[in-house]
Amino acid sequence: MENNSNERRQHKRHELACPITLFGRGGEVLAKASTSDLSQGGAYVTVARNIVEDAGDMNVAFAIPGTAADHQIEGFAANAKVLRQEPADDGVHVGLALQFTQQMYLPIDT
């Protein structure tokens, strides 16, 4: 198995769309969106550019859908920092790479 020395991720990413709410330092809701991927260490989400121009640290709350058999949704909350912002092609949105400040133990690894 080839080891890519440029890979810095510690956790496997899962393409998973989960509802997520981003909160500012004062507890105000910055945005409600959906993740495009999620891992034990962070998430990627796309939001309106004007929402996060000065984003650094924030709190997030998200839910992970259960299996079709159990229909349960598990909720999680975390502190996160914005590692990078990537402009979207539409010029209106920005992708945020979020890193949880503490590793999460999410039911997503199989």
PDB file of N, CA and C in Angstrom:
ATOM      1  N   MET A   1       0.842  -1.172   0.000  1.00  0.00           N
ATOM      2  CA  MET A   1       0.000   0.000   0.000  1.00  0.00           C
ATOM      3  C   MET A   1       0.888   1.236   0.000  1.00  0.00           C
ATOM      4  N   GLU A   2       0.628   2.151  -0.896  1.00  0.00           N
ATOM      5  CA  GLU A   2       1.445   3.345  -1.030  1.00  0.00           C
ATOM      6  C   GLU A   2       1.052   4.371   0.028  1.00  0.00           C
ATOM      7  N   ASN A   3       2.014   4.994   0.660  1.00  0.00           N
ATOM      8  CA  ASN A   3       1.770   6.003   1.683  1.00  0.00           C
ATOM      9  C   ASN A   3       1.973   7.379   1.066  1.00  0.00           C
ATOM     10  N   ASN A   4       0.958   8.200   1.063  1.00  0.00           N
ATOM     11  CA  ASN A   4       1.054   9.552   0.530  1.00  0.00           C
ATOM     12  C   ASN A   4       1.520  10.475   1.649  1.00  0.00           C
ATOM     13  N   SER A   5       2.760  10.927   1.597  1.00  0.00           N
ATOM     14  CA  SER A   5       3.332  11.746   2.663  1.00  0.00           C
ATOM     15  C   SER A   5       2.700  13.127   2.732  1.00  0.00           C
ATOM     16  N   ASN A   6       1.959  13.553   1.687  1.00  0.00           N
ATOM     17  CA  ASN A   6       1.296  14.847   1.712  1.00  0.00           C
ATOM     18  C   ASN A   6      -0.041  14.805   2.443  1.00  0.00           C
ATOM     19  N   GLU A   7      -0.549  13.629   2.721  1.00  0.00           N
ATOM     20  CA  GLU A   7      -1.836  13.489   3.392  1.00  0.00           C
ATOM     21  C   GLU A   7      -1.664  13.801   4.877  1.00  0.00           C
ATOM     22  N   ARG A   8      -2.372  14.836   5.347  1.00  0.00           N
ATOM     23  CA  ARG A   8      -2.252  15.242   6.746  1.00  0.00           C
ATOM     24  C   ARG A   8      -3.450  14.816   7.586  1.00  0.00           C
ATOM     25  N   ARG A   9      -4.478  14.305   6.957  1.00  0.00           N
ATOM     26  CA  ARG A   9      -5.681  13.935   7.687  1.00  0.00           C
ATOM     27  C   ARG A   9      -5.420  12.731   8.572  1.00  0.00           C
ATOM     28  N   GLN A  10      -5.934  12.820   9.787  1.00  0.00           N
ATOM     29  CA  GLN A  10      -5.810  11.706  10.723  1.00  0.00           C
ATOM     30  C   GLN A  10      -7.026  10.800  10.666  1.00  0.00           C
ATOM     31  N   HIS A  11      -8.130  11.322  10.129  1.00  0.00           N
ATOM     32  CA  HIS A  11      -9.389  10.588  10.159  1.00  0.00           C
ATOM     33  C   HIS A  11      -9.962  10.437   8.758  1.00  0.00           C
ATOM     34  N   LYS A  12     -10.549   9.300   8.495  1.00  0.00           N
ATOM     35  CA  LYS A  12     -11.172   9.027   7.207  1.00  0.00           C
ATOM     36  C   LYS A  12     -12.400   9.916   7.022  1.00  0.00           C
ATOM     37  N   ARG A  13     -12.490  10.532   5.849  1.00  0.00           N
ATOM     38  CA  ARG A  13     -13.661  11.344   5.515  1.00  0.00           C
ATOM     39  C   ARG A  13     -14.761  10.458   4.966  1.00  0.00           C
ATOM     40  N   HIS A  14     -15.992  10.836   5.301  1.00  0.00           N
ATOM     41  CA  HIS A  14     -17.167  10.136   4.791  1.00  0.00           C
ATOM     42  C   HIS A  14     -18.039  11.150   4.077  1.00  0.00           C
ATOM     43  N   GLU A  15     -18.390  10.866   2.819  1.00  0.00           N
ATOM     44  CA  GLU A  15     -19.313  11.742   2.104  1.00  0.00           C
ATOM     45  C   GLU A  15     -20.671  11.559   2.753  1.00  0.00           C
ATOM     46  N   LEU A  16     -21.056  12.536   3.546  1.00  0.00           N
ATOM     47  CA  LEU A  16     -22.264  12.412   4.344  1.00  0.00           C
ATOM     48  C   LEU A  16     -22.920  13.774   4.470  1.00  0.00           C
ATOM     49  N   ALA A  17     -24.139  13.873   4.012  1.00  0.00           N
ATOM     50  CA  ALA A  17     -24.896  15.123   4.122  1.00  0.00           C
ATOM     51  C   ALA A  17     -25.688  15.099   5.418  1.00  0.00           C
ATOM     52  N   CYS A  18     -25.280  15.944   6.355  1.00  0.00           N
ATOM     53  CA  CYS A  18     -25.943  16.045   7.655  1.00  0.00           C
ATOM     54  C   CYS A  18     -26.326  17.502   7.889  1.00  0.00           C
ATOM     55  N   PRO A  19     -27.492  17.750   8.459  1.00  0.00           N
ATOM     56  CA  PRO A  19     -27.830  19.127   8.792  1.00  0.00           C
ATOM     57  C   PRO A  19     -26.870  19.653   9.866  1.00  0.00           C
ATOM     58  N   ILE A  20     -26.398  20.886   9.669  1.00  0.00           N
ATOM     59  CA  ILE A  20     -25.443  21.479  10.605  1.00  0.00           C
ATOM     60  C   ILE A  20     -25.792  22.951  10.813  1.00  0.00           C
ATOM     61  N   THR A  21     -25.634  23.415  12.047  1.00  0.00           N
ATOM     62  CA  THR A  21     -25.827  24.820  12.381  1.00  0.00           C
ATOM     63  C   THR A  21     -24.508  25.362  12.900  1.00  0.00           C
ATOM     64  N   LEU A  22     -24.088  26.511  12.374  1.00  0.00           N
ATOM     65  CA  LEU A  22     -22.859  27.173  12.805  1.00  0.00           C
ATOM     66  C   LEU A  22     -23.235  28.353  13.695  1.00  0.00           C
ATOM     67  N   PHE A  23     -22.601  28.427  14.863  1.00  0.00           N
ATOM     68  CA  PHE A  23     -22.867  29.482  15.832  1.00  0.00           C
ATOM     69  C   PHE A  23     -21.634  30.363  15.995  1.00  0.00           C
ATOM     70  N   GLY A  24     -21.843  31.662  16.118  1.00  0.00           N
ATOM     71  CA  GLY A  24     -20.752  32.592  16.361  1.00  0.00           C
ATOM     72  C   GLY A  24     -20.307  32.555  17.812  1.00  0.00           C
ATOM     73  N   ARG A  25     -19.293  33.332  18.138  1.00  0.00           N
ATOM     74  CA  ARG A  25     -18.733  33.352  19.494  1.00  0.00           C
ATOM     75  C   ARG A  25     -19.759  33.780  20.541  1.00  0.00           C
ATOM     76  N   GLY A  26     -20.713  34.618  20.126  1.00  0.00           N
ATOM     77  CA  GLY A  26     -21.749  35.083  21.054  1.00  0.00           C
ATOM     78  C   GLY A  26     -22.970  34.192  21.108  1.00  0.00           C
ATOM     79  N   GLY A  27     -22.950  33.073  20.409  1.00  0.00           N
ATOM     80  CA  GLY A  27     -24.059  32.140  20.418  1.00  0.00           C
ATOM     81  C   GLY A  27     -25.080  32.382  19.317  1.00  0.00           C
ATOM     82  N   GLU A  28     -24.866  33.432  18.511  1.00  0.00           N
ATOM     83  CA  GLU A  28     -25.804  33.722  17.424  1.00  0.00           C
ATOM     84  C   GLU A  28     -25.638  32.706  16.291  1.00  0.00           C
ATOM     85  N   VAL A  29     -26.743  32.387  15.631  1.00  0.00           N
ATOM     86  CA  VAL A  29     -26.708  31.465  14.510  1.00  0.00           C
ATOM     87  C   VAL A  29     -26.102  32.191  13.310  1.00  0.00           C
ATOM     88  N   LEU A  30     -24.999  31.663  12.800  1.00  0.00           N
ATOM     89  CA  LEU A  30     -24.356  32.217  11.609  1.00  0.00           C
ATOM     90  C   LEU A  30     -24.966  31.640  10.341  1.00  0.00           C
ATOM     91  N   ALA A  31     -25.214  30.335  10.359  1.00  0.00           N
ATOM     92  CA  ALA A  31     -25.743  29.683   9.164  1.00  0.00           C
ATOM     93  C   ALA A  31     -26.298  28.319   9.515  1.00  0.00           C
ATOM     94  N   LYS A  32     -27.266  27.895   8.722  1.00  0.00           N
ATOM     95  CA  LYS A  32     -27.764  26.521   8.750  1.00  0.00           C
ATOM     96  C   LYS A  32     -27.469  25.969   7.369  1.00  0.00           C
ATOM     97  N   ALA A  33     -26.866  24.793   7.341  1.00  0.00           N
ATOM     98  CA  ALA A  33     -26.429  24.232   6.067  1.00  0.00           C
ATOM     99  C   ALA A  33     -26.440  22.714   6.159  1.00  0.00           C
ATOM    100  N   SER A  34     -25.680  22.083   5.281  1.00  0.00           N
ATOM    101  CA  SER A  34     -25.530  20.638   5.262  1.00  0.00           C
ATOM    102  C   SER A  34     -24.062  20.321   5.017  1.00  0.00           C
ATOM    103  N   THR A  35     -23.554  19.328   5.713  1.00  0.00           N
ATOM    104  CA  THR A  35     -22.170  18.918   5.483  1.00  0.00           C
ATOM    105  C   THR A  35     -22.085  18.211   4.132  1.00  0.00           C
ATOM    106  N   SER A  36     -20.912  18.280   3.503  1.00  0.00           N
ATOM    107  CA  SER A  36     -20.686  17.459   2.316  1.00  0.00           C
ATOM    108  C   SER A  36     -19.777  16.294   2.655  1.00  0.00           C
ATOM    109  N   ASP A  37     -18.980  16.443   3.707  1.00  0.00           N
ATOM    110  CA  ASP A  37     -18.262  15.301   4.257  1.00  0.00           C
ATOM    111  C   ASP A  37     -18.042  15.525   5.744  1.00  0.00           C
ATOM    112  N   LEU A  38     -17.780  14.423   6.428  1.00  0.00           N
ATOM    113  CA  LEU A  38     -17.679  14.434   7.880  1.00  0.00           C
ATOM    114  C   LEU A  38     -16.664  13.389   8.303  1.00  0.00           C
ATOM    115  N   SER A  39     -15.912  13.689   9.352  1.00  0.00           N
ATOM    116  CA  SER A  39     -14.984  12.717   9.930  1.00  0.00           C
ATOM    117  C   SER A  39     -14.983  12.902  11.432  1.00  0.00           C
ATOM    118  N   GLN A  40     -14.242  12.058  12.116  1.00  0.00           N
ATOM    119  CA  GLN A  40     -14.113  12.178  13.570  1.00  0.00           C
ATOM    120  C   GLN A  40     -13.425  13.491  13.947  1.00  0.00           C
ATOM    121  N   GLY A  41     -12.689  14.078  13.004  1.00  0.00           N
ATOM    122  CA  GLY A  41     -11.913  15.274  13.300  1.00  0.00           C
ATOM    123  C   GLY A  41     -12.447  16.563  12.722  1.00  0.00           C
ATOM    124  N   GLY A  42     -13.477  16.506  11.858  1.00  0.00           N
ATOM    125  CA  GLY A  42     -13.962  17.744  11.279  1.00  0.00           C
ATOM    126  C   GLY A  42     -15.029  17.524  10.229  1.00  0.00           C
ATOM    127  N   ALA A  43     -15.371  18.615   9.547  1.00  0.00           N
ATOM    128  CA  ALA A  43     -16.429  18.576   8.540  1.00  0.00           C
ATOM    129  C   ALA A  43     -16.136  19.606   7.464  1.00  0.00           C
ATOM    130  N   TYR A  44     -16.802  19.439   6.327  1.00  0.00           N
ATOM    131  CA  TYR A  44     -16.740  20.418   5.249  1.00  0.00           C
ATOM    132  C   TYR A  44     -18.165  20.849   4.960  1.00  0.00           C
ATOM    133  N   VAL A  45     -18.360  22.161   4.894  1.00  0.00           N
ATOM    134  CA  VAL A  45     -19.699  22.716   4.699  1.00  0.00           C
ATOM    135  C   VAL A  45     -19.600  23.933   3.783  1.00  0.00           C
ATOM    136  N   THR A  46     -20.622  24.155   2.986  1.00  0.00           N
ATOM    137  CA  THR A  46     -20.672  25.321   2.112  1.00  0.00           C
ATOM    138  C   THR A  46     -21.759  26.262   2.607  1.00  0.00           C
ATOM    139  N   VAL A  47     -21.398  27.536   2.780  1.00  0.00           N
ATOM    140  CA  VAL A  47     -22.329  28.547   3.290  1.00  0.00           C
ATOM    141  C   VAL A  47     -22.172  29.830   2.480  1.00  0.00           C
ATOM    142  N   ALA A  48     -23.092  30.767   2.680  1.00  0.00           N
ATOM    143  CA  ALA A  48     -23.002  32.062   2.012  1.00  0.00           C
ATOM    144  C   ALA A  48     -21.732  32.780   2.456  1.00  0.00           C
ATOM    145  N   ARG A  49     -21.049  33.388   1.511  1.00  0.00           N
ATOM    146  CA  ARG A  49     -19.772  34.061   1.778  1.00  0.00           C
ATOM    147  C   ARG A  49     -19.901  35.147   2.847  1.00  0.00           C
ATOM    148  N   ASN A  50     -20.959  35.936   2.808  1.00  0.00           N
ATOM    149  CA  ASN A  50     -21.084  37.057   3.738  1.00  0.00           C
ATOM    150  C   ASN A  50     -21.308  36.606   5.179  1.00  0.00           C
ATOM    151  N   ILE A  51     -21.649  35.360   5.388  1.00  0.00           N
ATOM    152  CA  ILE A  51     -21.895  34.847   6.736  1.00  0.00           C
ATOM    153  C   ILE A  51     -20.589  34.707   7.510  1.00  0.00           C
ATOM    154  N   VAL A  52     -19.522  34.326   6.839  1.00  0.00           N
ATOM    155  CA  VAL A  52     -18.323  33.876   7.542  1.00  0.00           C
ATOM    156  C   VAL A  52     -17.077  34.683   7.217  1.00  0.00           C
ATOM    157  N   GLU A  53     -17.226  35.920   6.828  1.00  0.00           N
ATOM    158  CA  GLU A  53     -16.052  36.691   6.425  1.00  0.00           C
ATOM    159  C   GLU A  53     -14.996  36.783   7.519  1.00  0.00           C
ATOM    160  N   ASP A  54     -15.415  36.857   8.773  1.00  0.00           N
ATOM    161  CA  ASP A  54     -14.464  36.949   9.879  1.00  0.00           C
ATOM    162  C   ASP A  54     -14.461  35.697  10.748  1.00  0.00           C
ATOM    163  N   ALA A  55     -14.912  34.581  10.197  1.00  0.00           N
ATOM    164  CA  ALA A  55     -15.022  33.356  10.989  1.00  0.00           C
ATOM    165  C   ALA A  55     -13.644  32.818  11.350  1.00  0.00           C
ATOM    166  N   GLY A  56     -13.530  32.370  12.552  1.00  0.00           N
ATOM    167  CA  GLY A  56     -12.314  31.731  13.032  1.00  0.00           C
ATOM    168  C   GLY A  56     -12.715  30.528  13.853  1.00  0.00           C
ATOM    169  N   ASP A  57     -13.072  30.781  15.100  1.00  0.00           N
ATOM    170  CA  ASP A  57     -13.576  29.739  15.980  1.00  0.00           C
ATOM    171  C   ASP A  57     -15.092  29.848  16.037  1.00  0.00           C
ATOM    172  N   MET A  58     -15.744  28.712  16.136  1.00  0.00           N
ATOM    173  CA  MET A  58     -17.197  28.709  16.223  1.00  0.00           C
ATOM    174  C   MET A  58     -17.656  27.437  16.905  1.00  0.00           C
ATOM    175  N   ASN A  59     -18.913  27.399  17.231  1.00  0.00           N
ATOM    176  CA  ASN A  59     -19.546  26.188  17.733  1.00  0.00           C
ATOM    177  C   ASN A  59     -20.429  25.652  16.625  1.00  0.00           C
ATOM    178  N   VAL A  60     -20.552  24.347  16.567  1.00  0.00           N
ATOM    179  CA  VAL A  60     -21.400  23.718  15.564  1.00  0.00           C
ATOM    180  C   VAL A  60     -22.279  22.680  16.245  1.00  0.00           C
ATOM    181  N   ALA A  61     -23.450  22.492  15.692  1.00  0.00           N
ATOM    182  CA  ALA A  61     -24.351  21.427  16.126  1.00  0.00           C
ATOM    183  C   ALA A  61     -24.816  20.723  14.866  1.00  0.00           C
ATOM    184  N   PHE A  62     -24.779  19.400  14.881  1.00  0.00           N
ATOM    185  CA  PHE A  62     -25.172  18.651  13.708  1.00  0.00           C
ATOM    186  C   PHE A  62     -25.825  17.344  14.116  1.00  0.00           C
ATOM    187  N   ALA A  63     -26.519  16.750  13.156  1.00  0.00           N
ATOM    188  CA  ALA A  63     -27.210  15.493  13.400  1.00  0.00           C
ATOM    189  C   ALA A  63     -26.799  14.482  12.346  1.00  0.00           C
ATOM    190  N   ILE A  64     -26.616  13.262  12.782  1.00  0.00           N
ATOM    191  CA  ILE A  64     -26.266  12.169  11.878  1.00  0.00           C
ATOM    192  C   ILE A  64     -27.463  11.230  11.808  1.00  0.00           C
ATOM    193  N   PRO A  65     -28.005  11.042  10.614  1.00  0.00           N
ATOM    194  CA  PRO A  65     -29.150  10.130  10.483  1.00  0.00           C
ATOM    195  C   PRO A  65     -28.754   8.705  10.833  1.00  0.00           C
ATOM    196  N   GLY A  66     -29.689   7.988  11.435  1.00  0.00           N
ATOM    197  CA  GLY A  66     -29.460   6.588  11.746  1.00  0.00           C
ATOM    198  C   GLY A  66     -29.654   5.725  10.514  1.00  0.00           C
ATOM    199  N   THR A  67     -29.586   4.446  10.704  1.00  0.00           N
ATOM    200  CA  THR A  67     -29.813   3.526   9.588  1.00  0.00           C
ATOM    201  C   THR A  67     -31.291   3.501   9.240  1.00  0.00           C
ATOM    202  N   ALA A  68     -31.598   3.002   8.082  1.00  0.00           N
ATOM    203  CA  ALA A  68     -32.998   2.908   7.656  1.00  0.00           C
ATOM    204  C   ALA A  68     -33.800   2.043   8.626  1.00  0.00           C
ATOM    205  N   ALA A  69     -33.151   1.090   9.269  1.00  0.00           N
ATOM    206  CA  ALA A  69     -33.853   0.176  10.166  1.00  0.00           C
ATOM    207  C   ALA A  69     -34.254   0.847  11.478  1.00  0.00           C
ATOM    208  N   ASP A  70     -33.394   1.738  12.004  1.00  0.00           N
ATOM    209  CA  ASP A  70     -33.715   2.300  13.321  1.00  0.00           C
ATOM    210  C   ASP A  70     -34.291   3.715  13.263  1.00  0.00           C
ATOM    211  N   HIS A  71     -34.155   4.410  12.139  1.00  0.00           N
ATOM    212  CA  HIS A  71     -34.739   5.740  11.916  1.00  0.00           C
ATOM    213  C   HIS A  71     -34.390   6.757  13.006  1.00  0.00           C
ATOM    214  N   GLN A  72     -33.353   6.526  13.771  1.00  0.00           N
ATOM    215  CA  GLN A  72     -32.981   7.464  14.816  1.00  0.00           C
ATOM    216  C   GLN A  72     -31.943   8.440  14.294  1.00  0.00           C
ATOM    217  N   ILE A  73     -31.962   9.616  14.874  1.00  0.00           N
ATOM    218  CA  ILE A  73     -30.984  10.646  14.528  1.00  0.00           C
ATOM    219  C   ILE A  73     -30.207  10.963  15.795  1.00  0.00           C
ATOM    220  N   GLU A  74     -28.890  10.994  15.668  1.00  0.00           N
ATOM    221  CA  GLU A  74     -28.045  11.332  16.804  1.00  0.00           C
ATOM    222  C   GLU A  74     -27.543  12.755  16.647  1.00  0.00           C
ATOM    223  N   GLY A  75     -27.667  13.548  17.694  1.00  0.00           N
ATOM    224  CA  GLY A  75     -27.211  14.927  17.670  1.00  0.00           C
ATOM    225  C   GLY A  75     -25.859  15.083  18.345  1.00  0.00           C
ATOM    226  N   PHE A  76     -25.063  16.019  17.823  1.00  0.00           N
ATOM    227  CA  PHE A  76     -23.719  16.272  18.341  1.00  0.00           C
ATOM    228  C   PHE A  76     -23.462  17.768  18.351  1.00  0.00           C
ATOM    229  N   ALA A  77     -22.605  18.191  19.237  1.00  0.00           N
ATOM    230  CA  ALA A  77     -22.171  19.585  19.290  1.00  0.00           C
ATOM    231  C   ALA A  77     -20.665  19.595  19.506  1.00  0.00           C
ATOM    232  N   ALA A  78     -20.004  20.613  18.933  1.00  0.00           N
ATOM    233  CA  ALA A  78     -18.551  20.688  19.043  1.00  0.00           C
ATOM    234  C   ALA A  78     -18.083  22.121  18.876  1.00  0.00           C
ATOM    235  N   ASN A  79     -16.922  22.398  19.416  1.00  0.00           N
ATOM    236  CA  ASN A  79     -16.210  23.625  19.090  1.00  0.00           C
ATOM    237  C   ASN A  79     -15.382  23.299  17.856  1.00  0.00           C
ATOM    238  N   ALA A  80     -15.266  24.267  16.958  1.00  0.00           N
ATOM    239  CA  ALA A  80     -14.519  24.030  15.724  1.00  0.00           C
ATOM    240  C   ALA A  80     -13.759  25.284  15.335  1.00  0.00           C
ATOM    241  N   LYS A  81     -12.701  25.082  14.582  1.00  0.00           N
ATOM    242  CA  LYS A  81     -11.991  26.226  14.005  1.00  0.00           C
ATOM    243  C   LYS A  81     -11.994  26.060  12.494  1.00  0.00           C
ATOM    244  N   VAL A  82     -12.018  27.191  11.816  1.00  0.00           N
ATOM    245  CA  VAL A  82     -12.000  27.190  10.363  1.00  0.00           C
ATOM    246  C   VAL A  82     -10.545  27.057   9.915  1.00  0.00           C
ATOM    247  N   LEU A  83     -10.229  25.933   9.276  1.00  0.00           N
ATOM    248  CA  LEU A  83      -8.870  25.719   8.779  1.00  0.00           C
ATOM    249  C   LEU A  83      -8.630  26.478   7.481  1.00  0.00           C
ATOM    250  N   ARG A  84      -9.655  26.479   6.619  1.00  0.00           N
ATOM    251  CA  ARG A  84      -9.523  27.212   5.363  1.00  0.00           C
ATOM    252  C   ARG A  84     -10.904  27.508   4.800  1.00  0.00           C
ATOM    253  N   GLN A  85     -10.920  28.543   3.955  1.00  0.00           N
ATOM    254  CA  GLN A  85     -12.119  28.919   3.214  1.00  0.00           C
ATOM    255  C   GLN A  85     -11.800  28.805   1.736  1.00  0.00           C
ATOM    256  N   GLU A  86     -12.701  28.188   0.993  1.00  0.00           N
ATOM    257  CA  GLU A  86     -12.501  28.003  -0.440  1.00  0.00           C
ATOM    258  C   GLU A  86     -13.677  28.630  -1.185  1.00  0.00           C
ATOM    259  N   PRO A  87     -13.430  29.642  -2.011  1.00  0.00           N
ATOM    260  CA  PRO A  87     -14.531  30.264  -2.751  1.00  0.00           C
ATOM    261  C   PRO A  87     -15.204  29.263  -3.686  1.00  0.00           C
ATOM    262  N   ALA A  88     -16.520  29.321  -3.739  1.00  0.00           N
ATOM    263  CA  ALA A  88     -17.279  28.480  -4.666  1.00  0.00           C
ATOM    264  C   ALA A  88     -17.304  29.152  -6.029  1.00  0.00           C
ATOM    265  N   ASP A  89     -17.608  28.387  -7.045  1.00  0.00           N
ATOM    266  CA  ASP A  89     -17.638  28.902  -8.414  1.00  0.00           C
ATOM    267  C   ASP A  89     -18.697  29.978  -8.613  1.00  0.00           C
ATOM    268  N   ASP A  90     -19.742  29.978  -7.784  1.00  0.00           N
ATOM    269  CA  ASP A  90     -20.831  30.940  -7.980  1.00  0.00           C
ATOM    270  C   ASP A  90     -20.509  32.332  -7.444  1.00  0.00           C
ATOM    271  N   GLY A  91     -19.411  32.488  -6.712  1.00  0.00           N
ATOM    272  CA  GLY A  91     -19.020  33.784  -6.172  1.00  0.00           C
ATOM    273  C   GLY A  91     -19.835  34.232  -4.974  1.00  0.00           C
ATOM    274  N   VAL A  92     -20.820  33.454  -4.590  1.00  0.00           N
ATOM    275  CA  VAL A  92     -21.708  33.815  -3.484  1.00  0.00           C
ATOM    276  C   VAL A  92     -21.448  32.952  -2.250  1.00  0.00           C
ATOM    277  N   HIS A  93     -20.986  31.730  -2.470  1.00  0.00           N
ATOM    278  CA  HIS A  93     -20.776  30.791  -1.374  1.00  0.00           C
ATOM    279  C   HIS A  93     -19.289  30.541  -1.144  1.00  0.00           C
ATOM    280  N   VAL A  94     -19.005  29.975   0.009  1.00  0.00           N
ATOM    281  CA  VAL A  94     -17.641  29.605   0.365  1.00  0.00           C
ATOM    282  C   VAL A  94     -17.689  28.251   1.075  1.00  0.00           C
ATOM    283  N   GLY A  95     -16.723  27.404   0.761  1.00  0.00           N
ATOM    284  CA  GLY A  95     -16.603  26.125   1.452  1.00  0.00           C
ATOM    285  C   GLY A  95     -15.711  26.298   2.661  1.00  0.00           C
ATOM    286  N   LEU A  96     -16.132  25.753   3.781  1.00  0.00           N
ATOM    287  CA  LEU A  96     -15.363  25.846   5.019  1.00  0.00           C
ATOM    288  C   LEU A  96     -14.861  24.465   5.424  1.00  0.00           C
ATOM    289  N   ALA A  97     -13.565  24.353   5.613  1.00  0.00           N
ATOM    290  CA  ALA A  97     -12.982  23.150   6.191  1.00  0.00           C
ATOM    291  C   ALA A  97     -12.911  23.397   7.689  1.00  0.00           C
ATOM    292  N   LEU A  98     -13.720  22.666   8.444  1.00  0.00           N
ATOM    293  CA  LEU A  98     -13.785  22.837   9.893  1.00  0.00           C
ATOM    294  C   LEU A  98     -13.039  21.707  10.586  1.00  0.00           C
ATOM    295  N   GLN A  99     -12.278  22.070  11.599  1.00  0.00           N
ATOM    296  CA  GLN A  99     -11.604  21.074  12.421  1.00  0.00           C
ATOM    297  C   GLN A  99     -12.185  21.165  13.817  1.00  0.00           C
ATOM    298  N   PHE A 100     -12.664  20.029  14.343  1.00  0.00           N
ATOM    299  CA  PHE A 100     -13.168  20.010  15.708  1.00  0.00           C
ATOM    300  C   PHE A 100     -11.991  20.196  16.654  1.00  0.00           C
ATOM    301  N   THR A 101     -12.184  20.986  17.708  1.00  0.00           N
ATOM    302  CA  THR A 101     -11.076  21.238  18.633  1.00  0.00           C
ATOM    303  C   THR A 101     -10.771  20.015  19.490  1.00  0.00           C
ATOM    304  N   GLN A 102     -11.733  19.110  19.608  1.00  0.00           N
ATOM    305  CA  GLN A 102     -11.497  17.822  20.261  1.00  0.00           C
ATOM    306  C   GLN A 102     -12.068  16.744  19.359  1.00  0.00           C
ATOM    307  N   GLN A 103     -11.373  15.628  19.277  1.00  0.00           N
ATOM    308  CA  GLN A 103     -11.838  14.532  18.432  1.00  0.00           C
ATOM    309  C   GLN A 103     -13.216  14.084  18.878  1.00  0.00           C
ATOM    310  N   MET A 104     -14.079  13.838  17.904  1.00  0.00           N
ATOM    311  CA  MET A 104     -15.422  13.344  18.175  1.00  0.00           C
ATOM    312  C   MET A 104     -15.437  11.832  18.007  1.00  0.00           C
ATOM    313  N   TYR A 105     -16.363  11.202  18.646  1.00  0.00           N
ATOM    314  CA  TYR A 105     -16.565   9.762  18.472  1.00  0.00           C
ATOM    315  C   TYR A 105     -17.935   9.593  17.840  1.00  0.00           C
ATOM    316  N   LEU A 106     -17.931   9.623  16.518  1.00  0.00           N
ATOM    317  CA  LEU A 106     -19.160   9.628  15.727  1.00  0.00           C
ATOM    318  C   LEU A 106     -19.423   8.238  15.161  1.00  0.00           C
ATOM    319  N   PRO A 107     -20.675   7.860  15.027  1.00  0.00           N
ATOM    320  CA  PRO A 107     -21.020   6.534  14.495  1.00  0.00           C
ATOM    321  C   PRO A 107     -20.978   6.504  12.972  1.00  0.00           C
ATOM    322  N   ILE A 108     -19.803   6.813  12.407  1.00  0.00           N
ATOM    323  CA  ILE A 108     -19.701   6.880  10.946  1.00  0.00           C
ATOM    324  C   ILE A 108     -18.645   5.946  10.382  1.00  0.00           C
ATOM    325  N   ASP A 109     -17.720   5.478  11.179  1.00  0.00           N
ATOM    326  CA  ASP A 109     -16.676   4.583  10.681  1.00  0.00           C
ATOM    327  C   ASP A 109     -17.207   3.154  10.646  1.00  0.00           C
ATOM    328  N   THR A 110     -16.959   2.510   9.520  1.00  0.00           N
ATOM    329  CA  THR A 110     -17.409   1.128   9.407  1.00  0.00           C
ATOM    330  C   THR A 110     -16.255   0.199   9.211  1.00  0.00           C
TER     331      THR A 110
END
